[in-house]
C-alpha cells in the first residue's frame, strides 16, 4: 500500500479535522506515493527514534506528537528539528503524526485511558464534536468500577500504565473512597475545572505543574500527575495493533521501546 492509502486509513480512525486549531497533525514529511512496507511507531520523533527509523530502514514513521508545530523557515543541520527532518527526507522516510485528533476521536486516547482505569459512563471533559450521535473530545470523566482509596487509585494508575512513579496533589481533599474520577492524557493544565464540573474527585493527567496542582486541590479536586509520556505511550501499542489489523496485515510493524524521558534518581 502507498503512503496516501495509509493516511486514508488513519483518517478513518481519527480524522485530521478533529484536531485542535493550534495543532499540526498529518503528513509532515515524505511522499504520498511511497510504498509502505515497514513502519515504526513512537510517541515522539526524537533523535533516538529518528535514528532507529533510519537504522531499521522503515518506510513510515508514525508518532503521536508532531515534530513540527511552528512554521519552519529553513531546514538545515543547525537545530534539532532541521536535523531530524533532513535524516527522514534524506532516507526517503515518510513521517505522519496523529495528535489531538487521536486524543479526541472515539475509541482513541481518551477512551483507551478510561478503559485502563475501568471508568464507566464516561463523558468527554472537553467536547469537540459529535459522531454517530455521541459526543467526542478531550479526556473522560466517569465512575470507577470499584470505589478505592486515593492511594489505591494511584497504584492502579502506575500498574495499568507501567509508570514508575506519580505525583499527587491534594491528598487531603479526598475524604474516604474515590468513586468519580477524570482522566486527561498528556497535559492536563486547565482541565481541573472541567473535572470538578463533571463531579470528579480526582483528575489523572500529566504536566499539571505546581500552581495548577495546588489550585485544583484548593478547588476540591485531587490530582494524580502521571507524566505526559506516562499516560500517552499507550498510543504505540494501540496503533501497532490497528495498523496490523486495519491497514495492511502484510506490513512489518515496529514498536518503539518503552522509554520514560524523566527518571527518579
C-alpha atoms as a PDB file:
ATOM      1  CA  UNK A   1       0.000   0.000   0.000  1.00  0.00           C
ATOM      2  CA  UNK A   2       1.101   3.525  -0.730  1.00  0.00           C
ATOM      3  CA  UNK A   3       1.512   6.186   1.932  1.00  0.00           C
ATOM      4  CA  UNK A   4      -1.612   8.016   0.753  1.00  0.00           C
ATOM      5  CA  UNK A   5      -3.671   4.860   1.355  1.00  0.00           C
ATOM      6  CA  UNK A   6      -2.232   4.520   4.858  1.00  0.00           C
ATOM      7  CA  UNK A   7      -3.197   8.130   5.542  1.00  0.00           C
ATOM      8  CA  UNK A   8      -6.738   7.338   4.421  1.00  0.00           C
ATOM      9  CA  UNK A   9      -6.928   4.538   6.987  1.00  0.00           C
ATOM     10  CA  UNK A  10      -5.523   6.807   9.706  1.00  0.00           C
ATOM     11  CA  UNK A  11      -8.223   9.342   8.924  1.00  0.00           C
ATOM     12  CA  UNK A  12     -10.920   6.706   9.160  1.00  0.00           C
ATOM     13  CA  UNK A  13      -9.819   6.195  12.767  1.00  0.00           C
ATOM     14  CA  UNK A  14      -9.005   9.780  13.776  1.00  0.00           C
ATOM     15  CA  UNK A  15      -9.796  12.389  11.102  1.00  0.00           C
ATOM     16  CA  UNK A  16      -7.311  15.250  10.950  1.00  0.00           C
ATOM     17  CA  UNK A  17     -10.320  17.583  11.087  1.00  0.00           C
ATOM     18  CA  UNK A  18     -10.866  16.504  14.712  1.00  0.00           C
ATOM     19  CA  UNK A  19      -7.611  18.178  15.778  1.00  0.00           C
ATOM     20  CA  UNK A  20      -7.451  21.411  17.772  1.00  0.00           C
ATOM     21  CA  UNK A  21      -6.884  24.562  15.732  1.00  0.00           C
ATOM     22  CA  UNK A  22      -3.361  25.094  17.129  1.00  0.00           C
ATOM     23  CA  UNK A  23      -2.274  21.551  16.316  1.00  0.00           C
ATOM     24  CA  UNK A  24      -0.321  20.217  13.317  1.00  0.00           C
ATOM     25  CA  UNK A  25      -1.160  16.567  12.608  1.00  0.00           C
ATOM     26  CA  UNK A  26      -0.836  14.872   9.236  1.00  0.00           C
ATOM     27  CA  UNK A  27       1.895  14.039   6.743  1.00  0.00           C
ATOM     28  CA  UNK A  28       4.794  16.250   7.877  1.00  0.00           C
ATOM     29  CA  UNK A  29       7.420  14.843   5.522  1.00  0.00           C
ATOM     30  CA  UNK A  30       7.551  12.417   2.618  1.00  0.00           C
ATOM     31  CA  UNK A  31       5.701  11.295  -0.481  1.00  0.00           C
ATOM     32  CA  UNK A  32       2.108  10.081  -0.668  1.00  0.00           C
ATOM     33  CA  UNK A  33       3.099   7.708  -3.491  1.00  0.00           C
ATOM     34  CA  UNK A  34       5.764   5.994  -1.372  1.00  0.00           C
ATOM     35  CA  UNK A  35       5.178   2.249  -0.997  1.00  0.00           C
ATOM     36  CA  UNK A  36       4.922   1.400   2.724  1.00  0.00           C
ATOM     37  CA  UNK A  37       6.196  -1.999   3.792  1.00  0.00           C
ATOM     38  CA  UNK A  38       7.828  -1.269   7.154  1.00  0.00           C
ATOM     39  CA  UNK A  39       6.578   1.105   9.859  1.00  0.00           C
ATOM     40  CA  UNK A  40       7.972   2.398  13.153  1.00  0.00           C
ATOM     41  CA  UNK A  41       5.505   3.733  15.734  1.00  0.00           C
ATOM     42  CA  UNK A  42       6.568   6.012  18.596  1.00  0.00           C
ATOM     43  CA  UNK A  43       5.254   8.770  20.822  1.00  0.00           C
ATOM     44  CA  UNK A  44       7.836  11.373  19.763  1.00  0.00           C
ATOM     45  CA  UNK A  45      10.132  11.853  16.786  1.00  0.00           C
ATOM     46  CA  UNK A  46      13.192  12.469  18.956  1.00  0.00           C
ATOM     47  CA  UNK A  47      16.786  11.843  17.889  1.00  0.00           C
ATOM     48  CA  UNK A  48      16.787   8.257  19.102  1.00  0.00           C
ATOM     49  CA  UNK A  49      13.578   7.403  17.257  1.00  0.00           C
ATOM     50  CA  UNK A  50      14.658   9.077  14.016  1.00  0.00           C
ATOM     51  CA  UNK A  51      17.993   7.234  14.188  1.00  0.00           C
ATOM     52  CA  UNK A  52      16.131   3.973  14.815  1.00  0.00           C
ATOM     53  CA  UNK A  53      13.878   4.631  11.808  1.00  0.00           C
ATOM     54  CA  UNK A  54      16.966   5.100   9.637  1.00  0.00           C
ATOM     55  CA  UNK A  55      18.733   2.067  11.092  1.00  0.00           C
ATOM     56  CA  UNK A  56      15.716  -0.171  10.544  1.00  0.00           C
ATOM     57  CA  UNK A  57      15.195   1.231   7.046  1.00  0.00           C
ATOM     58  CA  UNK A  58      11.496   1.876   7.640  1.00  0.00           C
ATOM     59  CA  UNK A  59       9.234   3.448   5.048  1.00  0.00           C
ATOM     60  CA  UNK A  60       6.988   5.283   7.503  1.00  0.00           C
ATOM     61  CA  UNK A  61       7.488   6.824  10.939  1.00  0.00           C
ATOM     62  CA  UNK A  62       4.206   7.315  12.813  1.00  0.00           C
ATOM     63  CA  UNK A  63       4.171   9.365  16.021  1.00  0.00           C
ATOM     64  CA  UNK A  64       1.604  10.892  18.334  1.00  0.00           C
ATOM     65  CA  UNK A  65       3.348  14.238  18.873  1.00  0.00           C
ATOM     66  CA  UNK A  66       4.192  16.237  15.734  1.00  0.00           C
ATOM     67  CA  UNK A  67       7.834  17.210  15.290  1.00  0.00           C
ATOM     68  CA  UNK A  68       6.715  20.425  13.575  1.00  0.00           C
ATOM     69  CA  UNK A  69       4.435  22.842  15.437  1.00  0.00           C
ATOM     70  CA  UNK A  70       5.626  26.290  14.378  1.00  0.00           C
ATOM     71  CA  UNK A  71       6.325  27.375  10.776  1.00  0.00           C
ATOM     72  CA  UNK A  72       9.702  26.082   9.568  1.00  0.00           C
ATOM     73  CA  UNK A  73      11.638  28.861   7.830  1.00  0.00           C
ATOM     74  CA  UNK A  74      14.666  26.767   6.961  1.00  0.00           C
ATOM     75  CA  UNK A  75      15.699  23.106   7.070  1.00  0.00           C
ATOM     76  CA  UNK A  76      19.364  22.607   7.903  1.00  0.00           C
ATOM     77  CA  UNK A  77      21.557  20.918  10.481  1.00  0.00           C
ATOM     78  CA  UNK A  78      21.677  23.948  12.806  1.00  0.00           C
ATOM     79  CA  UNK A  79      18.729  22.901  15.002  1.00  0.00           C
ATOM     80  CA  UNK A  80      17.222  19.621  16.119  1.00  0.00           C
ATOM     81  CA  UNK A  81      14.044  19.929  14.038  1.00  0.00           C
ATOM     82  CA  UNK A  82      16.034  20.521  10.851  1.00  0.00           C
ATOM     83  CA  UNK A  83      18.484  17.708  11.612  1.00  0.00           C
ATOM     84  CA  UNK A  84      15.676  15.217  12.128  1.00  0.00           C
ATOM     85  CA  UNK A  85      13.803  16.302   9.006  1.00  0.00           C
ATOM     86  CA  UNK A  86      16.985  16.056   6.932  1.00  0.00           C
ATOM     87  CA  UNK A  87      17.513  12.474   8.108  1.00  0.00           C
ATOM     88  CA  UNK A  88      13.919  11.490   7.400  1.00  0.00           C
ATOM     89  CA  UNK A  89      13.743  13.108   3.976  1.00  0.00           C
ATOM     90  CA  UNK A  90      17.282  12.039   3.049  1.00  0.00           C
ATOM     91  CA  UNK A  91      16.390   8.435   3.775  1.00  0.00           C
ATOM     92  CA  UNK A  92      13.030   8.659   1.989  1.00  0.00           C
ATOM     93  CA  UNK A  93      11.074   8.017   5.201  1.00  0.00           C
ATOM     94  CA  UNK A  94       7.513   9.310   5.300  1.00  0.00           C
ATOM     95  CA  UNK A  95       6.581  10.938   8.582  1.00  0.00           C
ATOM     96  CA  UNK A  96       2.987  11.174   9.850  1.00  0.00           C
ATOM     97  CA  UNK A  97       1.652  12.454  13.185  1.00  0.00           C
ATOM     98  CA  UNK A  98      -1.722  11.868  14.888  1.00  0.00           C
ATOM     99  CA  UNK A  99      -2.063  14.250  17.817  1.00  0.00           C
ATOM    100  CA  UNK A 100      -5.179  15.935  19.225  1.00  0.00           C
ATOM    101  CA  UNK A 101      -7.270  14.254  16.540  1.00  0.00           C
ATOM    102  CA  UNK A 102      -6.219  10.945  18.127  1.00  0.00           C
ATOM    103  CA  UNK A 103      -6.732  12.382  21.622  1.00  0.00           C
ATOM    104  CA  UNK A 104     -10.342  13.245  20.814  1.00  0.00           C
ATOM    105  CA  UNK A 105     -11.565  10.608  18.337  1.00  0.00           C
ATOM    106  CA  UNK A 106     -13.954   7.904  19.574  1.00  0.00           C
ATOM    107  CA  UNK A 107     -12.115   4.745  20.590  1.00  0.00           C
ATOM    108  CA  UNK A 108      -8.758   6.510  20.747  1.00  0.00           C
ATOM    109  CA  UNK A 109      -6.698   8.174  23.503  1.00  0.00           C
ATOM    110  CA  UNK A 110      -9.473   9.340  25.841  1.00  0.00           C
ATOM    111  CA  UNK A 111     -11.370   6.050  25.586  1.00  0.00           C
ATOM    112  CA  UNK A 112      -8.215   3.935  25.823  1.00  0.00           C
ATOM    113  CA  UNK A 113      -7.096   5.674  29.028  1.00  0.00           C
ATOM    114  CA  UNK A 114     -10.589   5.497  30.519  1.00  0.00           C
ATOM    115  CA  UNK A 115     -10.697   1.800  29.683  1.00  0.00           C
ATOM    116  CA  UNK A 116      -7.465   1.096  31.536  1.00  0.00           C
ATOM    117  CA  UNK A 117      -8.945   2.771  34.602  1.00  0.00           C
ATOM    118  CA  UNK A 118     -12.286   0.958  34.184  1.00  0.00           C
ATOM    119  CA  UNK A 119     -14.261   4.208  34.061  1.00  0.00           C
ATOM    120  CA  UNK A 120     -17.962   3.693  33.461  1.00  0.00           C
ATOM    121  CA  UNK A 121     -20.459   6.144  31.959  1.00  0.00           C
ATOM    122  CA  UNK A 122     -17.583   8.192  30.580  1.00  0.00           C
ATOM    123  CA  UNK A 123     -18.177  11.652  29.141  1.00  0.00           C
ATOM    124  CA  UNK A 124     -15.592  13.927  27.484  1.00  0.00           C
ATOM    125  CA  UNK A 125     -14.071  16.591  29.698  1.00  0.00           C
ATOM    126  CA  UNK A 126     -13.916  18.910  26.694  1.00  0.00           C
ATOM    127  CA  UNK A 127     -16.454  18.170  23.975  1.00  0.00           C
ATOM    128  CA  UNK A 128     -15.095  18.816  20.474  1.00  0.00           C
ATOM    129  CA  UNK A 129     -17.883  17.385  18.348  1.00  0.00           C
ATOM    130  CA  UNK A 130     -20.379  14.606  17.810  1.00  0.00           C
ATOM    131  CA  UNK A 131     -20.030  11.320  15.917  1.00  0.00           C
ATOM    132  CA  UNK A 132     -22.896   8.874  15.375  1.00  0.00           C
ATOM    133  CA  UNK A 133     -24.943  10.726  17.971  1.00  0.00           C
ATOM    134  CA  UNK A 134     -22.280  10.550  20.693  1.00  0.00           C
ATOM    135  CA  UNK A 135     -20.041  13.371  21.889  1.00  0.00           C
ATOM    136  CA  UNK A 136     -16.287  13.043  21.455  1.00  0.00           C
ATOM    137  CA  UNK A 137     -13.475  15.163  22.813  1.00  0.00           C
ATOM    138  CA  UNK A 138     -10.521  15.522  25.140  1.00  0.00           C
ATOM    139  CA  UNK A 139     -10.359  13.411  28.301  1.00  0.00           C
ATOM    140  CA  UNK A 140     -13.048  11.422  30.084  1.00  0.00           C
ATOM    141  CA  UNK A 141     -14.913  11.667  33.378  1.00  0.00           C
ATOM    142  CA  UNK A 142     -16.887   8.815  34.848  1.00  0.00           C
ATOM    143  CA  UNK A 143     -17.483   6.361  37.668  1.00  0.00           C
ATOM    144  CA  UNK A 144     -14.863   3.868  38.758  1.00  0.00           C
ATOM    145  CA  UNK A 145     -15.828   0.213  38.528  1.00  0.00           C
ATOM    146  CA  UNK A 146     -14.943  -0.109  42.220  1.00  0.00           C
ATOM    147  CA  UNK A 147     -14.580   2.609  44.837  1.00  0.00           C
ATOM    148  CA  UNK A 148     -10.962   2.810  46.055  1.00  0.00           C
ATOM    149  CA  UNK A 149      -8.756   4.979  48.204  1.00  0.00           C
ATOM    150  CA  UNK A 150      -6.686   7.664  46.537  1.00  0.00           C
ATOM    151  CA  UNK A 151      -3.532   5.667  47.239  1.00  0.00           C
ATOM    152  CA  UNK A 152      -5.066   2.569  45.669  1.00  0.00           C
ATOM    153  CA  UNK A 153      -6.053   4.600  42.622  1.00  0.00           C
ATOM    154  CA  UNK A 154      -2.511   5.969  42.301  1.00  0.00           C
ATOM    155  CA  UNK A 155      -1.157   2.412  42.434  1.00  0.00           C
ATOM    156  CA  UNK A 156      -3.681   1.352  39.795  1.00  0.00           C
ATOM    157  CA  UNK A 157      -2.529   4.167  37.509  1.00  0.00           C
ATOM    158  CA  UNK A 158       1.083   3.087  37.926  1.00  0.00           C
ATOM    159  CA  UNK A 159       0.225  -0.541  37.261  1.00  0.00           C
ATOM    160  CA  UNK A 160      -2.090  -0.056  34.271  1.00  0.00           C
ATOM    161  CA  UNK A 161       0.204   2.412  32.507  1.00  0.00           C
ATOM    162  CA  UNK A 162       3.512   0.807  33.571  1.00  0.00           C
ATOM    163  CA  UNK A 163       4.598   4.043  35.266  1.00  0.00           C
ATOM    164  CA  UNK A 164       7.455   4.026  37.801  1.00  0.00           C
ATOM    165  CA  UNK A 165       6.142   6.975  39.827  1.00  0.00           C
ATOM    166  CA  UNK A 166       3.355   9.573  40.083  1.00  0.00           C
ATOM    167  CA  UNK A 167       2.925  12.881  41.919  1.00  0.00           C
ATOM    168  CA  UNK A 168      -0.215  13.547  43.955  1.00  0.00           C
ATOM    169  CA  UNK A 169      -1.671  16.958  44.776  1.00  0.00           C
ATOM    170  CA  UNK A 170      -4.416  17.479  47.345  1.00  0.00           C
ATOM    171  CA  UNK A 171      -4.454  14.083  49.018  1.00  0.00           C
ATOM    172  CA  UNK A 172      -6.189  15.724  51.952  1.00  0.00           C
ATOM    173  CA  UNK A 173      -9.082  16.748  49.690  1.00  0.00           C
ATOM    174  CA  UNK A 174     -10.333  13.194  49.210  1.00  0.00           C
ATOM    175  CA  UNK A 175     -12.307  12.023  52.207  1.00  0.00           C
ATOM    176  CA  UNK A 176     -12.984   8.306  52.143  1.00  0.00           C
ATOM    177  CA  UNK A 177     -13.184   6.405  48.872  1.00  0.00           C
ATOM    178  CA  UNK A 178     -12.887   7.678  45.320  1.00  0.00           C
ATOM    179  CA  UNK A 179     -15.934   6.913  43.180  1.00  0.00           C
ATOM    180  CA  UNK A 180     -15.784   9.543  40.453  1.00  0.00           C
ATOM    181  CA  UNK A 181     -12.605  10.281  38.512  1.00  0.00           C
ATOM    182  CA  UNK A 182     -11.467  12.021  35.351  1.00  0.00           C
ATOM    183  CA  UNK A 183      -8.531  11.269  33.083  1.00  0.00           C
ATOM    184  CA  UNK A 184      -6.849  13.587  30.593  1.00  0.00           C
ATOM    185  CA  UNK A 185      -3.786  12.006  28.945  1.00  0.00           C
ATOM    186  CA  UNK A 186      -0.986  14.404  28.076  1.00  0.00           C
ATOM    187  CA  UNK A 187      -1.041  17.881  29.537  1.00  0.00           C
ATOM    188  CA  UNK A 188      -3.966  18.477  31.872  1.00  0.00           C
ATOM    189  CA  UNK A 189      -3.281  22.129  32.573  1.00  0.00           C
ATOM    190  CA  UNK A 190      -6.575  23.976  32.747  1.00  0.00           C
ATOM    191  CA  UNK A 191      -8.657  20.770  32.914  1.00  0.00           C
ATOM    192  CA  UNK A 192      -9.216  20.708  36.685  1.00  0.00           C
ATOM    193  CA  UNK A 193     -12.282  22.958  36.447  1.00  0.00           C
ATOM    194  CA  UNK A 194     -13.847  20.691  33.827  1.00  0.00           C
ATOM    195  CA  UNK A 195     -13.125  17.708  36.086  1.00  0.00           C
ATOM    196  CA  UNK A 196     -14.744  19.486  39.039  1.00  0.00           C
ATOM    197  CA  UNK A 197     -17.829  20.356  37.000  1.00  0.00           C
ATOM    198  CA  UNK A 198     -18.071  16.697  35.953  1.00  0.00           C
ATOM    199  CA  UNK A 199     -18.166  15.729  39.629  1.00  0.00           C
ATOM    200  CA  UNK A 200     -14.730  14.086  39.674  1.00  0.00           C
ATOM    201  CA  UNK A 201     -12.942  13.781  42.988  1.00  0.00           C
ATOM    202  CA  UNK A 202      -9.634  13.118  41.241  1.00  0.00           C
ATOM    203  CA  UNK A 203      -8.077  14.206  37.929  1.00  0.00           C
ATOM    204  CA  UNK A 204      -5.492  11.828  36.460  1.00  0.00           C
ATOM    205  CA  UNK A 205      -3.289  13.634  33.964  1.00  0.00           C
ATOM    206  CA  UNK A 206       0.249  14.790  33.191  1.00  0.00           C
ATOM    207  CA  UNK A 207       2.268  18.009  33.131  1.00  0.00           C
ATOM    208  CA  UNK A 208      -0.064  19.570  35.659  1.00  0.00           C
ATOM    209  CA  UNK A 209       2.525  21.924  37.149  1.00  0.00           C
ATOM    210  CA  UNK A 210       2.879  23.265  40.698  1.00  0.00           C
ATOM    211  CA  UNK A 211       0.339  26.081  40.557  1.00  0.00           C
ATOM    212  CA  UNK A 212      -2.289  24.120  38.635  1.00  0.00           C
ATOM    213  CA  UNK A 213      -1.874  21.252  41.087  1.00  0.00           C
ATOM    214  CA  UNK A 214      -2.311  23.267  44.260  1.00  0.00           C
ATOM    215  CA  UNK A 215      -5.098  25.347  42.714  1.00  0.00           C
ATOM    216  CA  UNK A 216      -7.001  22.212  41.719  1.00  0.00           C
ATOM    217  CA  UNK A 217      -6.607  20.862  45.253  1.00  0.00           C
ATOM    218  CA  UNK A 218      -7.858  24.163  46.695  1.00  0.00           C
ATOM    219  CA  UNK A 219     -10.913  23.824  44.444  1.00  0.00           C
ATOM    220  CA  UNK A 220     -11.647  20.348  45.787  1.00  0.00           C
ATOM    221  CA  UNK A 221     -10.090  18.130  43.082  1.00  0.00           C
ATOM    222  CA  UNK A 222      -7.073  15.973  43.889  1.00  0.00           C
ATOM    223  CA  UNK A 223      -4.618  15.398  41.041  1.00  0.00           C
ATOM    224  CA  UNK A 224      -2.570  12.331  40.149  1.00  0.00           C
ATOM    225  CA  UNK A 225       0.154  13.583  37.808  1.00  0.00           C
ATOM    226  CA  UNK A 226       1.399  10.537  35.891  1.00  0.00           C
ATOM    227  CA  UNK A 227       3.512  12.482  33.420  1.00  0.00           C
ATOM    228  CA  UNK A 228       2.883  13.360  29.795  1.00  0.00           C
ATOM    229  CA  UNK A 229       4.652  10.294  28.442  1.00  0.00           C
ATOM    230  CA  UNK A 230       3.260   8.104  31.213  1.00  0.00           C
ATOM    231  CA  UNK A 231      -0.344   8.252  30.064  1.00  0.00           C
ATOM    232  CA  UNK A 232       0.165   8.642  26.325  1.00  0.00           C
ATOM    233  CA  UNK A 233       2.631   5.888  25.447  1.00  0.00           C
ATOM    234  CA  UNK A 234      -0.428   3.628  25.043  1.00  0.00           C
ATOM    235  CA  UNK A 235      -0.662   5.189  21.558  1.00  0.00           C
ATOM    236  CA  UNK A 236       2.195   2.979  20.375  1.00  0.00           C
ATOM    237  CA  UNK A 237       0.687  -0.377  21.280  1.00  0.00           C
ATOM    238  CA  UNK A 238      -2.775   0.581  20.064  1.00  0.00           C
ATOM    239  CA  UNK A 239      -1.629   1.905  16.692  1.00  0.00           C
ATOM    240  CA  UNK A 240       0.635  -1.088  16.113  1.00  0.00           C
ATOM    241  CA  UNK A 241      -2.413  -3.310  16.519  1.00  0.00           C
ATOM    242  CA  UNK A 242      -4.574  -1.048  14.357  1.00  0.00           C
ATOM    243  CA  UNK A 243      -2.027  -0.974  11.535  1.00  0.00           C
ATOM    244  CA  UNK A 244      -1.699  -4.735  11.572  1.00  0.00           C
ATOM    245  CA  UNK A 245      -5.461  -5.349  11.669  1.00  0.00           C
ATOM    246  CA  UNK A 246      -6.996  -2.488   9.744  1.00  0.00           C
ATOM    247  CA  UNK A 247      -4.359  -1.006   7.451  1.00  0.00           C
ATOM    248  CA  UNK A 248      -2.030  -3.632   5.968  1.00  0.00           C
ATOM    249  CA  UNK A 249      -1.529  -7.044   7.636  1.00  0.00           C
ATOM    250  CA  UNK A 250       1.426  -7.661   5.311  1.00  0.00           C
ATOM    251  CA  UNK A 251       3.431  -4.695   6.611  1.00  0.00           C
ATOM    252  CA  UNK A 252       6.152  -5.100   9.239  1.00  0.00           C
ATOM    253  CA  UNK A 253       5.244  -3.009  12.289  1.00  0.00           C
ATOM    254  CA  UNK A 254       7.886  -1.972  14.815  1.00  0.00           C
ATOM    255  CA  UNK A 255       7.016  -0.500  18.223  1.00  0.00           C
ATOM    256  CA  UNK A 256       9.365   1.955  19.907  1.00  0.00           C
ATOM    257  CA  UNK A 257      10.559   0.501  23.225  1.00  0.00           C
ATOM    258  CA  UNK A 258       9.080   1.950  26.410  1.00  0.00           C
ATOM    259  CA  UNK A 259      11.408   4.745  27.486  1.00  0.00           C
ATOM    260  CA  UNK A 260      10.435   7.360  30.075  1.00  0.00           C
ATOM    261  CA  UNK A 261      12.172  10.685  29.366  1.00  0.00           C
ATOM    262  CA  UNK A 262      12.179  11.609  33.080  1.00  0.00           C
ATOM    263  CA  UNK A 263      13.785   9.449  35.768  1.00  0.00           C
ATOM    264  CA  UNK A 264      13.832   9.440  39.549  1.00  0.00           C
ATOM    265  CA  UNK A 265      17.355   9.436  40.935  1.00  0.00           C
END
